């Protein structure tokens, strides 16, 4: 099997050429769980850029439910 170690830098270089505005890349976010009931198996979170950072928006996360036939 061919080793990919020599190709590693080539991929990074190629990808960096495609990215014009590196500030547009968003890393992780900071989520604060809401205490509002949004449904069985669901939780709502306010999302920020970092602790004490800029507000991004609100997301709702629901666990899948199993159904029996």
N, C-alpha and C. Protein backbone atom coordinates (compact mmCIF):
# COMPACT_ATOMS: atom_id res chain seq x y z
N UNK A 1 0.83 -1.18 0.00
CA UNK A 1 0.00 0.00 0.00
C UNK A 1 0.89 1.25 0.00
N UNK A 2 0.55 2.22 -0.78
CA UNK A 2 1.35 3.43 -0.91
C UNK A 2 1.20 4.32 0.33
N UNK A 3 2.33 4.87 0.79
CA UNK A 3 2.30 5.77 1.94
C UNK A 3 1.86 7.15 1.47
N UNK A 4 1.04 7.81 2.29
CA UNK A 4 0.52 9.12 1.93
C UNK A 4 1.25 10.27 2.62
N UNK A 5 2.31 9.97 3.37
CA UNK A 5 3.02 11.01 4.10
C UNK A 5 3.56 12.10 3.17
N UNK A 6 4.08 11.73 2.04
CA UNK A 6 4.62 12.72 1.11
C UNK A 6 3.56 13.59 0.47
N UNK A 7 2.33 13.11 0.42
CA UNK A 7 1.24 13.86 -0.20
C UNK A 7 0.57 14.82 0.78
N UNK A 8 0.84 14.68 2.05
CA UNK A 8 0.15 15.48 3.06
C UNK A 8 0.30 16.98 2.81
N UNK A 9 1.49 17.45 2.57
CA UNK A 9 1.69 18.88 2.36
C UNK A 9 1.04 19.35 1.07
N UNK A 10 0.98 18.50 0.07
CA UNK A 10 0.34 18.86 -1.19
C UNK A 10 -1.14 19.12 -1.03
N UNK A 11 -1.81 18.31 -0.22
CA UNK A 11 -3.23 18.51 0.01
C UNK A 11 -3.48 19.84 0.73
N UNK A 12 -2.70 20.13 1.76
CA UNK A 12 -2.87 21.38 2.50
C UNK A 12 -2.66 22.57 1.60
N UNK A 13 -1.63 22.53 0.79
CA UNK A 13 -1.33 23.63 -0.12
C UNK A 13 -2.47 23.84 -1.10
N UNK A 14 -2.99 22.77 -1.64
CA UNK A 14 -4.09 22.86 -2.60
C UNK A 14 -5.34 23.43 -1.94
N UNK A 15 -5.66 22.96 -0.75
CA UNK A 15 -6.84 23.46 -0.06
C UNK A 15 -6.69 24.92 0.34
N UNK A 16 -5.51 25.33 0.77
CA UNK A 16 -5.29 26.72 1.16
C UNK A 16 -5.46 27.67 -0.03
N UNK A 17 -5.16 27.22 -1.22
CA UNK A 17 -5.34 28.05 -2.39
C UNK A 17 -6.81 28.31 -2.67
N UNK A 18 -7.68 27.39 -2.29
CA UNK A 18 -9.11 27.54 -2.52
C UNK A 18 -9.75 28.49 -1.52
N UNK A 19 -9.17 28.66 -0.33
CA UNK A 19 -9.75 29.48 0.71
C UNK A 19 -9.27 30.92 0.57
N UNK A 20 -10.17 31.79 0.15
CA UNK A 20 -9.81 33.19 -0.05
C UNK A 20 -9.88 33.98 1.26
N UNK A 21 -10.98 33.81 1.99
CA UNK A 21 -11.19 34.58 3.22
C UNK A 21 -11.18 33.62 4.41
N UNK A 22 -10.04 33.50 5.07
CA UNK A 22 -9.91 32.55 6.18
C UNK A 22 -10.75 32.96 7.39
N UNK A 23 -11.15 34.24 7.49
CA UNK A 23 -11.99 34.68 8.60
C UNK A 23 -13.40 34.11 8.52
N UNK A 24 -13.80 33.66 7.34
CA UNK A 24 -15.15 33.12 7.18
C UNK A 24 -15.27 31.71 7.74
N UNK A 25 -14.16 31.09 8.09
CA UNK A 25 -14.19 29.74 8.67
C UNK A 25 -14.53 29.87 10.14
N UNK A 26 -15.61 29.22 10.55
CA UNK A 26 -16.03 29.27 11.94
C UNK A 26 -15.60 27.98 12.62
N UNK A 27 -14.92 28.14 13.72
CA UNK A 27 -14.53 26.96 14.48
C UNK A 27 -15.69 26.47 15.32
N UNK A 28 -15.43 26.08 16.52
CA UNK A 28 -16.48 25.60 17.40
C UNK A 28 -17.39 26.73 17.84
N UNK A 29 -18.42 26.38 18.53
CA UNK A 29 -19.34 27.37 19.07
C UNK A 29 -19.60 27.04 20.53
N UNK A 30 -20.28 27.94 21.21
CA UNK A 30 -20.59 27.78 22.62
C UNK A 30 -22.10 27.74 22.75
N UNK A 31 -22.63 26.67 23.31
CA UNK A 31 -24.08 26.49 23.41
C UNK A 31 -24.53 26.56 24.85
N UNK A 32 -25.63 27.29 25.08
CA UNK A 32 -26.23 27.40 26.41
C UNK A 32 -27.62 26.78 26.34
N UNK A 33 -27.86 25.76 27.16
CA UNK A 33 -29.14 25.03 27.14
C UNK A 33 -30.25 25.91 27.71
N UNK A 34 -31.36 25.95 26.99
CA UNK A 34 -32.53 26.71 27.41
C UNK A 34 -33.37 25.88 28.37
N UNK A 35 -34.16 26.54 29.22
CA UNK A 35 -35.04 25.82 30.13
C UNK A 35 -36.48 25.80 29.60
N UNK A 36 -36.68 26.14 28.34
CA UNK A 36 -38.00 26.15 27.72
C UNK A 36 -38.30 24.75 27.19
N UNK A 37 -39.50 24.24 27.47
CA UNK A 37 -39.91 22.92 26.99
C UNK A 37 -40.26 23.03 25.50
N UNK A 38 -39.61 22.23 24.66
CA UNK A 38 -39.84 22.28 23.22
C UNK A 38 -40.34 20.96 22.66
N UNK A 39 -40.67 20.03 23.52
CA UNK A 39 -41.20 18.75 23.06
C UNK A 39 -40.46 17.59 23.67
N UNK A 40 -41.10 16.44 23.64
CA UNK A 40 -40.52 15.22 24.20
C UNK A 40 -39.25 14.84 23.45
N UNK A 41 -38.16 14.67 24.18
CA UNK A 41 -36.90 14.25 23.57
C UNK A 41 -36.14 15.38 22.88
N UNK A 42 -36.58 16.62 23.04
CA UNK A 42 -35.92 17.75 22.38
C UNK A 42 -35.34 18.72 23.41
N UNK A 43 -34.26 19.37 23.02
CA UNK A 43 -33.64 20.40 23.85
C UNK A 43 -33.30 21.59 22.97
N UNK A 44 -33.39 22.78 23.52
CA UNK A 44 -33.12 23.99 22.76
C UNK A 44 -31.88 24.67 23.35
N UNK A 45 -31.04 25.21 22.46
CA UNK A 45 -29.79 25.85 22.86
C UNK A 45 -29.64 27.20 22.18
N UNK A 46 -29.14 28.18 22.93
CA UNK A 46 -28.71 29.45 22.33
C UNK A 46 -27.24 29.27 22.00
N UNK A 47 -26.84 29.67 20.80
CA UNK A 47 -25.48 29.45 20.32
C UNK A 47 -24.72 30.78 20.22
N UNK A 48 -23.50 30.77 20.74
CA UNK A 48 -22.63 31.95 20.74
C UNK A 48 -21.28 31.58 20.12
N UNK A 49 -20.52 32.57 19.68
CA UNK A 49 -19.21 32.32 19.08
C UNK A 49 -18.22 31.79 20.11
N UNK A 50 -18.37 32.19 21.36
CA UNK A 50 -17.49 31.78 22.46
C UNK A 50 -18.19 32.17 23.76
N UNK A 51 -17.71 31.71 24.91
CA UNK A 51 -18.31 32.17 26.16
C UNK A 51 -18.24 33.70 26.25
N UNK A 52 -19.39 34.35 26.39
CA UNK A 52 -19.44 35.81 26.41
C UNK A 52 -19.32 36.43 25.03
N UNK A 53 -19.37 35.60 23.98
CA UNK A 53 -19.19 36.08 22.61
C UNK A 53 -20.49 36.54 21.96
N UNK A 54 -20.43 36.70 20.66
CA UNK A 54 -21.55 37.18 19.86
C UNK A 54 -22.60 36.09 19.70
N UNK A 55 -23.87 36.48 19.83
CA UNK A 55 -24.99 35.56 19.67
C UNK A 55 -25.11 35.17 18.20
N UNK A 56 -25.23 33.85 17.93
CA UNK A 56 -25.37 33.34 16.56
C UNK A 56 -26.83 33.02 16.27
N UNK A 57 -27.47 32.28 17.16
CA UNK A 57 -28.86 31.89 16.93
C UNK A 57 -29.28 30.80 17.89
N UNK A 58 -30.43 30.20 17.61
CA UNK A 58 -30.98 29.17 18.47
C UNK A 58 -31.13 27.88 17.68
N UNK A 59 -30.76 26.77 18.32
CA UNK A 59 -30.90 25.47 17.67
C UNK A 59 -31.75 24.56 18.55
N UNK A 60 -32.44 23.64 17.92
CA UNK A 60 -33.21 22.63 18.62
C UNK A 60 -32.67 21.26 18.23
N UNK A 61 -32.36 20.46 19.23
CA UNK A 61 -31.82 19.12 19.01
C UNK A 61 -32.80 18.11 19.56
N UNK A 62 -33.23 17.18 18.70
CA UNK A 62 -34.18 16.15 19.13
C UNK A 62 -33.56 14.78 18.97
N UNK A 63 -33.77 13.93 19.97
CA UNK A 63 -33.31 12.55 19.91
C UNK A 63 -34.27 11.75 19.03
N UNK A 64 -33.74 10.85 18.24
CA UNK A 64 -34.63 10.02 17.41
C UNK A 64 -35.46 9.10 18.33
N UNK A 65 -36.68 8.84 17.92
CA UNK A 65 -37.53 7.95 18.70
C UNK A 65 -37.71 6.64 17.97
N UNK A 66 -37.73 5.57 18.70
CA UNK A 66 -37.90 4.25 18.11
C UNK A 66 -39.39 3.96 17.93
N UNK A 67 -39.72 3.34 16.83
CA UNK A 67 -41.12 2.94 16.60
C UNK A 67 -41.17 1.43 16.42
N UNK A 68 -42.19 0.83 16.95
CA UNK A 68 -42.37 -0.61 16.83
C UNK A 68 -43.49 -0.87 15.84
N UNK A 69 -43.27 -1.81 14.92
CA UNK A 69 -44.30 -2.14 13.95
C UNK A 69 -45.11 -3.31 14.42
